[in-house]
Amino acid sequence: SLTGGPNGDTASLTVAPGLSTVCSNDAAQATTGVLAIINACGSD
């Protein structure tokens, strides 16, 4: 979550490198917008 004020949360959240960003807004940006033709990558 995002909270509007400080919270007392204590946790270590882990994320690993992956390939899901192959279909992403950043991938669409890097292809000058060509990948954005596909809705699922450019706008979601």
ModelCIF file with pLDDT and N, C-alpha, C, O atoms, coordinates in Angstrom:
data_MODEL
#
_entry.id   MODEL 
#
_entity.id                         1 
_entity.type                       polymer 
_entity.pdbx_number_of_molecules   1 
#
_entity_poly.entity_id                      1 
_entity_poly.type                           'polypeptide(L)' 
_entity_poly.nstd_linkage                   no 
_entity_poly.nstd_monomer                   no 
_entity_poly.pdbx_seq_one_letter_code       SLTGGPNGDTASLTVAPGLSTVCSNDAAQATTGVLAIINACGSD 
_entity_poly.pdbx_seq_one_letter_code_can   SLTGGPNGDTASLTVAPGLSTVCSNDAAQATTGVLAIINACGSD 
_entity_poly.pdbx_strand_id                 A 
#
loop_
_entity_poly_seq.entity_id 
_entity_poly_seq.num 
_entity_poly_seq.mon_id 
_entity_poly_seq.hetero 
1 1  SER n 
1 2  LEU n 
1 3  THR n 
1 4  GLY n 
1 5  GLY n 
1 6  PRO n 
1 7  ASN n 
1 8  GLY n 
1 9  ASP n 
1 10 THR n 
1 11 ALA n 
1 12 SER n 
1 13 LEU n 
1 14 THR n 
1 15 VAL n 
1 16 ALA n 
1 17 PRO n 
1 18 GLY n 
1 19 LEU n 
1 20 SER n 
1 21 THR n 
1 22 VAL n 
1 23 CYS n 
1 24 SER n 
1 25 ASN n 
1 26 ASP n 
1 27 ALA n 
1 28 ALA n 
1 29 GLN n 
1 30 ALA n 
1 31 THR n 
1 32 THR n 
1 33 GLY n 
1 34 VAL n 
1 35 LEU n 
1 36 ALA n 
1 37 ILE n 
1 38 ILE n 
1 39 ASN n 
1 40 ALA n 
1 41 CYS n 
1 42 GLY n 
1 43 SER n 
1 44 ASP n 
#
_struct_asym.id          A 
_struct_asym.entity_id   1 
#
loop_
_ma_qa_metric.id 
_ma_qa_metric.mode 
_ma_qa_metric.name 
_ma_qa_metric.software_group_id 
_ma_qa_metric.type 
1 global pLDDT . pLDDT 
2 local  pLDDT . pLDDT 
#
_ma_qa_metric_global.metric_id      1 
_ma_qa_metric_global.metric_value   90.41 
_ma_qa_metric_global.model_id       1 
_ma_qa_metric_global.ordinal_id     1 
#
loop_
_ma_qa_metric_local.label_asym_id 
_ma_qa_metric_local.label_comp_id 
_ma_qa_metric_local.label_seq_id 
_ma_qa_metric_local.metric_id 
_ma_qa_metric_local.metric_value 
_ma_qa_metric_local.model_id 
_ma_qa_metric_local.ordinal_id 
A SER 1  2 98.00 1 1  
A LEU 2  2 98.00 1 2  
A THR 3  2 97.00 1 3  
A GLY 4  2 94.00 1 4  
A GLY 5  2 93.00 1 5  
A PRO 6  2 93.00 1 6  
A ASN 7  2 93.00 1 7  
A GLY 8  2 88.00 1 8  
A ASP 9  2 92.00 1 9  
A THR 10 2 94.00 1 10 
A ALA 11 2 96.00 1 11 
A SER 12 2 97.00 1 12 
A LEU 13 2 98.00 1 13 
A THR 14 2 98.00 1 14 
A VAL 15 2 98.00 1 15 
A ALA 16 2 97.00 1 16 
A PRO 17 2 96.00 1 17 
A GLY 18 2 95.00 1 18 
A LEU 19 2 94.00 1 19 
A SER 20 2 95.00 1 20 
A THR 21 2 94.00 1 21 
A VAL 22 2 93.00 1 22 
A CYS 23 2 92.00 1 23 
A SER 24 2 93.00 1 24 
A ASN 25 2 93.00 1 25 
A ASP 26 2 93.00 1 26 
A ALA 27 2 91.00 1 27 
A ALA 28 2 91.00 1 28 
A GLN 29 2 92.00 1 29 
A ALA 30 2 90.00 1 30 
A THR 31 2 88.00 1 31 
A THR 32 2 89.00 1 32 
A GLY 33 2 87.00 1 33 
A VAL 34 2 85.00 1 34 
A LEU 35 2 84.00 1 35 
A ALA 36 2 82.00 1 36 
A ILE 37 2 81.00 1 37 
A ILE 38 2 77.00 1 38 
A ASN 39 2 72.00 1 39 
A ALA 40 2 72.00 1 40 
A CYS 41 2 81.00 1 41 
A GLY 42 2 78.00 1 42 
A SER 43 2 84.00 1 43 
A ASP 44 2 92.00 1 44 
#
loop_
_atom_site.group_PDB 
_atom_site.id 
_atom_site.type_symbol 
_atom_site.label_atom_id 
_atom_site.label_alt_id 
_atom_site.label_comp_id 
_atom_site.label_asym_id 
_atom_site.label_entity_id 
_atom_site.label_seq_id 
_atom_site.pdbx_PDB_ins_code 
_atom_site.Cartn_x 
_atom_site.Cartn_y 
_atom_site.Cartn_z 
_atom_site.occupancy 
_atom_site.B_iso_or_equiv 
_atom_site.pdbx_formal_charge 
_atom_site.auth_seq_id 
_atom_site.auth_comp_id 
_atom_site.auth_asym_id 
_atom_site.auth_atom_id 
_atom_site.pdbx_PDB_model_num 
ATOM 1   N N  . SER A 1 1  ? 0.832  -1.203  0.000   1.00 98.00 ? 1  SER A N  1 
ATOM 2   C CA . SER A 1 1  ? 0.000  0.000   0.000   1.00 98.00 ? 1  SER A CA 1 
ATOM 3   C C  . SER A 1 1  ? 0.865  1.251   0.000   1.00 98.00 ? 1  SER A C  1 
ATOM 4   O O  . SER A 1 1  ? 2.062  1.205   0.285   1.00 98.00 ? 1  SER A O  1 
ATOM 5   N N  . LEU A 1 2  ? 0.228  2.368   -0.327  1.00 98.00 ? 2  LEU A N  1 
ATOM 6   C CA . LEU A 1 2  ? 0.807  3.699   -0.145  1.00 98.00 ? 2  LEU A CA 1 
ATOM 7   C C  . LEU A 1 2  ? 0.000  4.405   0.933   1.00 98.00 ? 2  LEU A C  1 
ATOM 8   O O  . LEU A 1 2  ? -1.229 4.433   0.880   1.00 98.00 ? 2  LEU A O  1 
ATOM 9   N N  . THR A 1 3  ? 0.691  4.974   1.909   1.00 97.00 ? 3  THR A N  1 
ATOM 10  C CA . THR A 1 3  ? 0.003  5.671   2.994   1.00 97.00 ? 3  THR A CA 1 
ATOM 11  C C  . THR A 1 3  ? 0.386  7.144   2.996   1.00 97.00 ? 3  THR A C  1 
ATOM 12  O O  . THR A 1 3  ? 1.497  7.518   2.618   1.00 97.00 ? 3  THR A O  1 
ATOM 13  N N  . GLY A 1 4  ? -0.556 7.968   3.429   1.00 94.00 ? 4  GLY A N  1 
ATOM 14  C CA . GLY A 1 4  ? -0.330 9.401   3.429   1.00 94.00 ? 4  GLY A CA 1 
ATOM 15  C C  . GLY A 1 4  ? 0.582  9.880   4.537   1.00 94.00 ? 4  GLY A C  1 
ATOM 16  O O  . GLY A 1 4  ? 1.089  11.000  4.474   1.00 94.00 ? 4  GLY A O  1 
ATOM 17  N N  . GLY A 1 5  ? 0.803  9.057   5.556   1.00 93.00 ? 5  GLY A N  1 
ATOM 18  C CA . GLY A 1 5  ? 1.671  9.435   6.656   1.00 93.00 ? 5  GLY A CA 1 
ATOM 19  C C  . GLY A 1 5  ? 2.645  8.320   6.976   1.00 93.00 ? 5  GLY A C  1 
ATOM 20  O O  . GLY A 1 5  ? 2.506  7.212   6.456   1.00 93.00 ? 5  GLY A O  1 
ATOM 21  N N  . PRO A 1 6  ? 3.630  8.591   7.822   1.00 93.00 ? 6  PRO A N  1 
ATOM 22  C CA . PRO A 1 6  ? 4.596  7.550   8.199   1.00 93.00 ? 6  PRO A CA 1 
ATOM 23  C C  . PRO A 1 6  ? 3.882  6.348   8.806   1.00 93.00 ? 6  PRO A C  1 
ATOM 24  O O  . PRO A 1 6  ? 2.874  6.492   9.497   1.00 93.00 ? 6  PRO A O  1 
ATOM 25  N N  . ASN A 1 7  ? 4.415  5.175   8.540   1.00 93.00 ? 7  ASN A N  1 
ATOM 26  C CA . ASN A 1 7  ? 3.843  3.966   9.132   1.00 93.00 ? 7  ASN A CA 1 
ATOM 27  C C  . ASN A 1 7  ? 4.947  3.194   9.839   1.00 93.00 ? 7  ASN A C  1 
ATOM 28  O O  . ASN A 1 7  ? 6.130  3.400   9.569   1.00 93.00 ? 7  ASN A O  1 
ATOM 29  N N  . GLY A 1 8  ? 4.571  2.337   10.711  1.00 88.00 ? 8  GLY A N  1 
ATOM 30  C CA . GLY A 1 8  ? 5.547  1.588   11.495  1.00 88.00 ? 8  GLY A CA 1 
ATOM 31  C C  . GLY A 1 8  ? 5.924  0.263   10.880  1.00 88.00 ? 8  GLY A C  1 
ATOM 32  O O  . GLY A 1 8  ? 6.431  -0.616  11.576  1.00 88.00 ? 8  GLY A O  1 
ATOM 33  N N  . ASP A 1 9  ? 5.689  0.094   9.578   1.00 92.00 ? 9  ASP A N  1 
ATOM 34  C CA . ASP A 1 9  ? 5.936  -1.188  8.931   1.00 92.00 ? 9  ASP A CA 1 
ATOM 35  C C  . ASP A 1 9  ? 7.416  -1.573  8.989   1.00 92.00 ? 9  ASP A C  1 
ATOM 36  O O  . ASP A 1 9  ? 8.303  -0.741  8.800   1.00 92.00 ? 9  ASP A O  1 
ATOM 37  N N  . THR A 1 10 ? 7.646  -2.828  9.249   1.00 94.00 ? 10 THR A N  1 
ATOM 38  C CA . THR A 1 10 ? 8.988  -3.407  9.194   1.00 94.00 ? 10 THR A CA 1 
ATOM 39  C C  . THR A 1 10 ? 8.895  -4.678  8.369   1.00 94.00 ? 10 THR A C  1 
ATOM 40  O O  . THR A 1 10 ? 8.241  -5.647  8.756   1.00 94.00 ? 10 THR A O  1 
ATOM 41  N N  . ALA A 1 11 ? 9.567  -4.652  7.215   1.00 96.00 ? 11 ALA A N  1 
ATOM 42  C CA . ALA A 1 11 ? 9.497  -5.812  6.331   1.00 96.00 ? 11 ALA A CA 1 
ATOM 43  C C  . ALA A 1 11 ? 10.623 -5.736  5.318   1.00 96.00 ? 11 ALA A C  1 
ATOM 44  O O  . ALA A 1 11 ? 11.179 -4.665  5.074   1.00 96.00 ? 11 ALA A O  1 
ATOM 45  N N  . SER A 1 12 ? 10.952 -6.863  4.735   1.00 97.00 ? 12 SER A N  1 
ATOM 46  C CA . SER A 1 12 ? 11.889 -6.926  3.616   1.00 97.00 ? 12 SER A CA 1 
ATOM 47  C C  . SER A 1 12 ? 11.154 -7.583  2.463   1.00 97.00 ? 12 SER A C  1 
ATOM 48  O O  . SER A 1 12 ? 10.804 -8.761  2.528   1.00 97.00 ? 12 SER A O  1 
ATOM 49  N N  . LEU A 1 13 ? 10.921 -6.813  1.407   1.00 98.00 ? 13 LEU A N  1 
ATOM 50  C CA . LEU A 1 13 ? 10.150 -7.281  0.262   1.00 98.00 ? 13 LEU A CA 1 
ATOM 51  C C  . LEU A 1 13 ? 11.104 -7.542  -0.903  1.00 98.00 ? 13 LEU A C  1 
ATOM 52  O O  . LEU A 1 13 ? 11.903 -6.679  -1.267  1.00 98.00 ? 13 LEU A O  1 
ATOM 53  N N  . THR A 1 14 ? 11.014 -8.717  -1.471  1.00 98.00 ? 14 THR A N  1 
ATOM 54  C CA . THR A 1 14 ? 11.995 -9.178  -2.450  1.00 98.00 ? 14 THR A CA 1 
ATOM 55  C C  . THR A 1 14 ? 11.403 -9.220  -3.848  1.00 98.00 ? 14 THR A C  1 
ATOM 56  O O  . THR A 1 14 ? 10.272 -9.664  -4.046  1.00 98.00 ? 14 THR A O  1 
ATOM 57  N N  . VAL A 1 15 ? 12.192 -8.747  -4.824  1.00 98.00 ? 15 VAL A N  1 
ATOM 58  C CA . VAL A 1 15 ? 11.816 -8.836  -6.224  1.00 98.00 ? 15 VAL A CA 1 
ATOM 59  C C  . VAL A 1 15 ? 13.054 -9.280  -7.001  1.00 98.00 ? 15 VAL A C  1 
ATOM 60  O O  . VAL A 1 15 ? 14.164 -8.820  -6.731  1.00 98.00 ? 15 VAL A O  1 
ATOM 61  N N  . ALA A 1 16 ? 12.859 -10.168 -7.958  1.00 97.00 ? 16 ALA A N  1 
ATOM 62  C CA . ALA A 1 16 ? 13.972 -10.704 -8.740  1.00 97.00 ? 16 ALA A CA 1 
ATOM 63  C C  . ALA A 1 16 ? 13.889 -10.207 -10.174 1.00 97.00 ? 16 ALA A C  1 
ATOM 64  O O  . ALA A 1 16 ? 12.803 -9.871  -10.648 1.00 97.00 ? 16 ALA A O  1 
ATOM 65  N N  . PRO A 1 17 ? 15.026 -10.155 -10.877 1.00 96.00 ? 17 PRO A N  1 
ATOM 66  C CA . PRO A 1 17 ? 14.985 -9.794  -12.303 1.00 96.00 ? 17 PRO A CA 1 
ATOM 67  C C  . PRO A 1 17 ? 14.067 -10.744 -13.069 1.00 96.00 ? 17 PRO A C  1 
ATOM 68  O O  . PRO A 1 17 ? 13.992 -11.932 -12.757 1.00 96.00 ? 17 PRO A O  1 
ATOM 69  N N  . GLY A 1 18 ? 13.381 -10.221 -14.060 1.00 95.00 ? 18 GLY A N  1 
ATOM 70  C CA . GLY A 1 18 ? 12.467 -11.037 -14.853 1.00 95.00 ? 18 GLY A CA 1 
ATOM 71  C C  . GLY A 1 18 ? 12.244 -10.429 -16.216 1.00 95.00 ? 18 GLY A C  1 
ATOM 72  O O  . GLY A 1 18 ? 12.886 -9.441  -16.573 1.00 95.00 ? 18 GLY A O  1 
ATOM 73  N N  . LEU A 1 19 ? 11.336 -11.011 -16.982 1.00 94.00 ? 19 LEU A N  1 
ATOM 74  C CA . LEU A 1 19 ? 11.085 -10.582 -18.351 1.00 94.00 ? 19 LEU A CA 1 
ATOM 75  C C  . LEU A 1 19 ? 9.677  -10.034 -18.550 1.00 94.00 ? 19 LEU A C  1 
ATOM 76  O O  . LEU A 1 19 ? 9.261  -9.813  -19.688 1.00 94.00 ? 19 LEU A O  1 
ATOM 77  N N  . SER A 1 20 ? 8.939  -9.810  -17.468 1.00 95.00 ? 20 SER A N  1 
ATOM 78  C CA . SER A 1 20 ? 7.573  -9.314  -17.643 1.00 95.00 ? 20 SER A CA 1 
ATOM 79  C C  . SER A 1 20 ? 7.553  -7.920  -18.260 1.00 95.00 ? 20 SER A C  1 
ATOM 80  O O  . SER A 1 20 ? 6.557  -7.532  -18.870 1.00 95.00 ? 20 SER A O  1 
ATOM 81  N N  . THR A 1 21 ? 8.648  -7.154  -18.110 1.00 94.00 ? 21 THR A N  1 
ATOM 82  C CA . THR A 1 21 ? 8.699  -5.799  -18.667 1.00 94.00 ? 21 THR A CA 1 
ATOM 83  C C  . THR A 1 21 ? 8.865  -5.799  -20.186 1.00 94.00 ? 21 THR A C  1 
ATOM 84  O O  . THR A 1 21 ? 8.866  -4.734  -20.803 1.00 94.00 ? 21 THR A O  1 
ATOM 85  N N  . VAL A 1 22 ? 9.006  -6.982  -20.799 1.00 93.00 ? 22 VAL A N  1 
ATOM 86  C CA . VAL A 1 22 ? 9.012  -7.039  -22.262 1.00 93.00 ? 22 VAL A CA 1 
ATOM 87  C C  . VAL A 1 22 ? 7.701  -6.484  -22.810 1.00 93.00 ? 22 VAL A C  1 
ATOM 88  O O  . VAL A 1 22 ? 7.668  -5.919  -23.903 1.00 93.00 ? 22 VAL A O  1 
ATOM 89  N N  . CYS A 1 23 ? 6.624  -6.647  -22.048 1.00 92.00 ? 23 CYS A N  1 
ATOM 90  C CA . CYS A 1 23 ? 5.330  -6.062  -22.402 1.00 92.00 ? 23 CYS A CA 1 
ATOM 91  C C  . CYS A 1 23 ? 5.007  -4.993  -21.371 1.00 92.00 ? 23 CYS A C  1 
ATOM 92  O O  . CYS A 1 23 ? 4.356  -5.268  -20.364 1.00 92.00 ? 23 CYS A O  1 
ATOM 93  N N  . SER A 1 24 ? 5.463  -3.778  -21.625 1.00 93.00 ? 24 SER A N  1 
ATOM 94  C CA . SER A 1 24 ? 5.320  -2.704  -20.645 1.00 93.00 ? 24 SER A CA 1 
ATOM 95  C C  . SER A 1 24 ? 5.348  -1.357  -21.337 1.00 93.00 ? 24 SER A C  1 
ATOM 96  O O  . SER A 1 24 ? 5.707  -1.251  -22.510 1.00 93.00 ? 24 SER A O  1 
ATOM 97  N N  . ASN A 1 25 ? 4.968  -0.340  -20.602 1.00 93.00 ? 25 ASN A N  1 
ATOM 98  C CA . ASN A 1 25 ? 5.034  1.015   -21.130 1.00 93.00 ? 25 ASN A CA 1 
ATOM 99  C C  . ASN A 1 25 ? 6.465  1.405   -21.454 1.00 93.00 ? 25 ASN A C  1 
ATOM 100 O O  . ASN A 1 25 ? 6.711  2.068   -22.461 1.00 93.00 ? 25 ASN A O  1 
ATOM 101 N N  . ASP A 1 26 ? 7.423  0.998   -20.605 1.00 93.00 ? 26 ASP A N  1 
ATOM 102 C CA . ASP A 1 26 ? 8.822  1.331   -20.874 1.00 93.00 ? 26 ASP A CA 1 
ATOM 103 C C  . ASP A 1 26 ? 9.322  0.652   -22.136 1.00 93.00 ? 26 ASP A C  1 
ATOM 104 O O  . ASP A 1 26 ? 10.098 1.240   -22.889 1.00 93.00 ? 26 ASP A O  1 
ATOM 105 N N  . ALA A 1 27 ? 8.885  -0.584  -22.380 1.00 91.00 ? 27 ALA A N  1 
ATOM 106 C CA . ALA A 1 27 ? 9.263  -1.263  -23.617 1.00 91.00 ? 27 ALA A CA 1 
ATOM 107 C C  . ALA A 1 27 ? 8.651  -0.548  -24.817 1.00 91.00 ? 27 ALA A C  1 
ATOM 108 O O  . ALA A 1 27 ? 9.292  -0.418  -25.860 1.00 91.00 ? 27 ALA A O  1 
ATOM 109 N N  . ALA A 1 28 ? 7.413  -0.088  -24.669 1.00 91.00 ? 28 ALA A N  1 
ATOM 110 C CA . ALA A 1 28 ? 6.778  0.678   -25.742 1.00 91.00 ? 28 ALA A CA 1 
ATOM 111 C C  . ALA A 1 28 ? 7.527  1.978   -25.987 1.00 91.00 ? 28 ALA A C  1 
ATOM 112 O O  . ALA A 1 28 ? 7.720  2.385   -27.133 1.00 91.00 ? 28 ALA A O  1 
ATOM 113 N N  . GLN A 1 29 ? 7.949  2.626   -24.910 1.00 92.00 ? 29 GLN A N  1 
ATOM 114 C CA . GLN A 1 29 ? 8.717  3.862   -25.044 1.00 92.00 ? 29 GLN A CA 1 
ATOM 115 C C  . GLN A 1 29 ? 10.023 3.606   -25.784 1.00 92.00 ? 29 GLN A C  1 
ATOM 116 O O  . GLN A 1 29 ? 10.408 4.389   -26.652 1.00 92.00 ? 29 GLN A O  1 
ATOM 117 N N  . ALA A 1 30 ? 10.711 2.505   -25.446 1.00 90.00 ? 30 ALA A N  1 
ATOM 118 C CA . ALA A 1 30 ? 11.998 2.195   -26.057 1.00 90.00 ? 30 ALA A CA 1 
ATOM 119 C C  . ALA A 1 30 ? 11.877 1.811   -27.520 1.00 90.00 ? 30 ALA A C  1 
ATOM 120 O O  . ALA A 1 30 ? 12.849 1.916   -28.267 1.00 90.00 ? 30 ALA A O  1 
ATOM 121 N N  . THR A 1 31 ? 10.693 1.364   -27.944 1.00 88.00 ? 31 THR A N  1 
ATOM 122 C CA . THR A 1 31 ? 10.473 1.061   -29.359 1.00 88.00 ? 31 THR A CA 1 
ATOM 123 C C  . THR A 1 31 ? 9.848  2.254   -30.073 1.00 88.00 ? 31 THR A C  1 
ATOM 124 O O  . THR A 1 31 ? 9.227  2.093   -31.124 1.00 88.00 ? 31 THR A O  1 
ATOM 125 N N  . THR A 1 32 ? 10.006 3.439   -29.514 1.00 89.00 ? 32 THR A N  1 
ATOM 126 C CA . THR A 1 32 ? 9.485  4.712   -30.029 1.00 89.00 ? 32 THR A CA 1 
ATOM 127 C C  . THR A 1 32 ? 7.965  4.737   -30.118 1.00 89.00 ? 32 THR A C  1 
ATOM 128 O O  . THR A 1 32 ? 7.392  5.605   -30.776 1.00 89.00 ? 32 THR A O  1 
ATOM 129 N N  . GLY A 1 33 ? 7.314  3.786   -29.455 1.00 87.00 ? 33 GLY A N  1 
ATOM 130 C CA . GLY A 1 33 ? 5.856  3.732   -29.441 1.00 87.00 ? 33 GLY A CA 1 
ATOM 131 C C  . GLY A 1 33 ? 5.275  2.604   -30.257 1.00 87.00 ? 33 GLY A C  1 
ATOM 132 O O  . GLY A 1 33 ? 4.064  2.386   -30.229 1.00 87.00 ? 33 GLY A O  1 
ATOM 133 N N  . VAL A 1 34 ? 6.117  1.869   -30.992 1.00 85.00 ? 34 VAL A N  1 
ATOM 134 C CA . VAL A 1 34 ? 5.606  0.808   -31.864 1.00 85.00 ? 34 VAL A CA 1 
ATOM 135 C C  . VAL A 1 34 ? 4.885  -0.262  -31.047 1.00 85.00 ? 34 VAL A C  1 
ATOM 136 O O  . VAL A 1 34 ? 3.811  -0.719  -31.438 1.00 85.00 ? 34 VAL A O  1 
ATOM 137 N N  . LEU A 1 35 ? 5.468  -0.667  -29.910 1.00 84.00 ? 35 LEU A N  1 
ATOM 138 C CA . LEU A 1 35 ? 4.851  -1.716  -29.100 1.00 84.00 ? 35 LEU A CA 1 
ATOM 139 C C  . LEU A 1 35 ? 3.528  -1.264  -28.503 1.00 84.00 ? 35 LEU A C  1 
ATOM 140 O O  . LEU A 1 35 ? 2.695  -2.091  -28.131 1.00 84.00 ? 35 LEU A O  1 
ATOM 141 N N  . ALA A 1 36 ? 3.332  0.050   -28.409 1.00 82.00 ? 36 ALA A N  1 
ATOM 142 C CA . ALA A 1 36 ? 2.089  0.573   -27.829 1.00 82.00 ? 36 ALA A CA 1 
ATOM 143 C C  . ALA A 1 36 ? 0.883  0.308   -28.716 1.00 82.00 ? 36 ALA A C  1 
ATOM 144 O O  . ALA A 1 36 ? -0.255 0.518   -28.296 1.00 82.00 ? 36 ALA A O  1 
ATOM 145 N N  . ILE A 1 37 ? 1.122  -0.155  -29.944 1.00 81.00 ? 37 ILE A N  1 
ATOM 146 C CA . ILE A 1 37 ? 0.002  -0.557  -30.795 1.00 81.00 ? 37 ILE A CA 1 
ATOM 147 C C  . ILE A 1 37 ? -0.820 -1.637  -30.090 1.00 81.00 ? 37 ILE A C  1 
ATOM 148 O O  . ILE A 1 37 ? -2.042 -1.697  -30.228 1.00 81.00 ? 37 ILE A O  1 
ATOM 149 N N  . ILE A 1 38 ? -0.111 -2.501  -29.319 1.00 77.00 ? 38 ILE A N  1 
ATOM 150 C CA . ILE A 1 38 ? -0.769 -3.571  -28.572 1.00 77.00 ? 38 ILE A CA 1 
ATOM 151 C C  . ILE A 1 38 ? -1.246 -3.006  -27.237 1.00 77.00 ? 38 ILE A C  1 
ATOM 152 O O  . ILE A 1 38 ? -0.428 -2.616  -26.404 1.00 77.00 ? 38 ILE A O  1 
ATOM 153 N N  . ASN A 1 39 ? -2.534 -2.961  -27.028 1.00 72.00 ? 39 ASN A N  1 
ATOM 154 C CA . ASN A 1 39 ? -3.100 -2.330  -25.827 1.00 72.00 ? 39 ASN A CA 1 
ATOM 155 C C  . ASN A 1 39 ? -2.494 -2.866  -24.542 1.00 72.00 ? 39 ASN A C  1 
ATOM 156 O O  . ASN A 1 39 ? -2.166 -2.101  -23.635 1.00 72.00 ? 39 ASN A O  1 
ATOM 157 N N  . ALA A 1 40 ? -2.345 -4.188  -24.466 1.00 72.00 ? 40 ALA A N  1 
ATOM 158 C CA . ALA A 1 40 ? -1.928 -4.822  -23.221 1.00 72.00 ? 40 ALA A CA 1 
ATOM 159 C C  . ALA A 1 40 ? -0.531 -4.405  -22.802 1.00 72.00 ? 40 ALA A C  1 
ATOM 160 O O  . ALA A 1 40 ? -0.155 -4.591  -21.645 1.00 72.00 ? 40 ALA A O  1 
ATOM 161 N N  . CYS A 1 41 ? 0.249  -3.841  -23.724 1.00 81.00 ? 41 CYS A N  1 
ATOM 162 C CA . CYS A 1 41 ? 1.609  -3.422  -23.384 1.00 81.00 ? 41 CYS A CA 1 
ATOM 163 C C  . CYS A 1 41 ? 1.706  -1.907  -23.206 1.00 81.00 ? 41 CYS A C  1 
ATOM 164 O O  . CYS A 1 41 ? 2.364  -1.430  -22.281 1.00 81.00 ? 41 CYS A O  1 
ATOM 165 N N  . GLY A 1 42 ? 1.055  -1.154  -24.086 1.00 78.00 ? 42 GLY A N  1 
ATOM 166 C CA . GLY A 1 42 ? 1.220  0.292   -24.045 1.00 78.00 ? 42 GLY A CA 1 
ATOM 167 C C  . GLY A 1 42 ? 0.401  0.985   -22.983 1.00 78.00 ? 42 GLY A C  1 
ATOM 168 O O  . GLY A 1 42 ? 0.854  1.974   -22.409 1.00 78.00 ? 42 GLY A O  1 
ATOM 169 N N  . SER A 1 43 ? -0.802 0.489   -22.703 1.00 84.00 ? 43 SER A N  1 
ATOM 170 C CA . SER A 1 43 ? -1.702 1.247   -21.830 1.00 84.00 ? 43 SER A CA 1 
ATOM 171 C C  . SER A 1 43 ? -2.121 0.506   -20.570 1.00 84.00 ? 43 SER A C  1 
ATOM 172 O O  . SER A 1 43 ? -2.944 1.018   -19.811 1.00 84.00 ? 43 SER A O  1 
ATOM 173 N N  . ASP A 1 44 ? -1.584 -0.679  -20.322 1.00 92.00 ? 44 ASP A N  1 
ATOM 174 C CA . ASP A 1 44 ? -1.976 -1.430  -19.130 1.00 92.00 ? 44 ASP A CA 1 
ATOM 175 C C  . ASP A 1 44 ? -0.760 -2.180  -18.590 1.00 92.00 ? 44 ASP A C  1 
ATOM 176 O O  . ASP A 1 44 ? -0.864 -2.881  -17.584 1.00 92.00 ? 44 ASP A O  1 
#
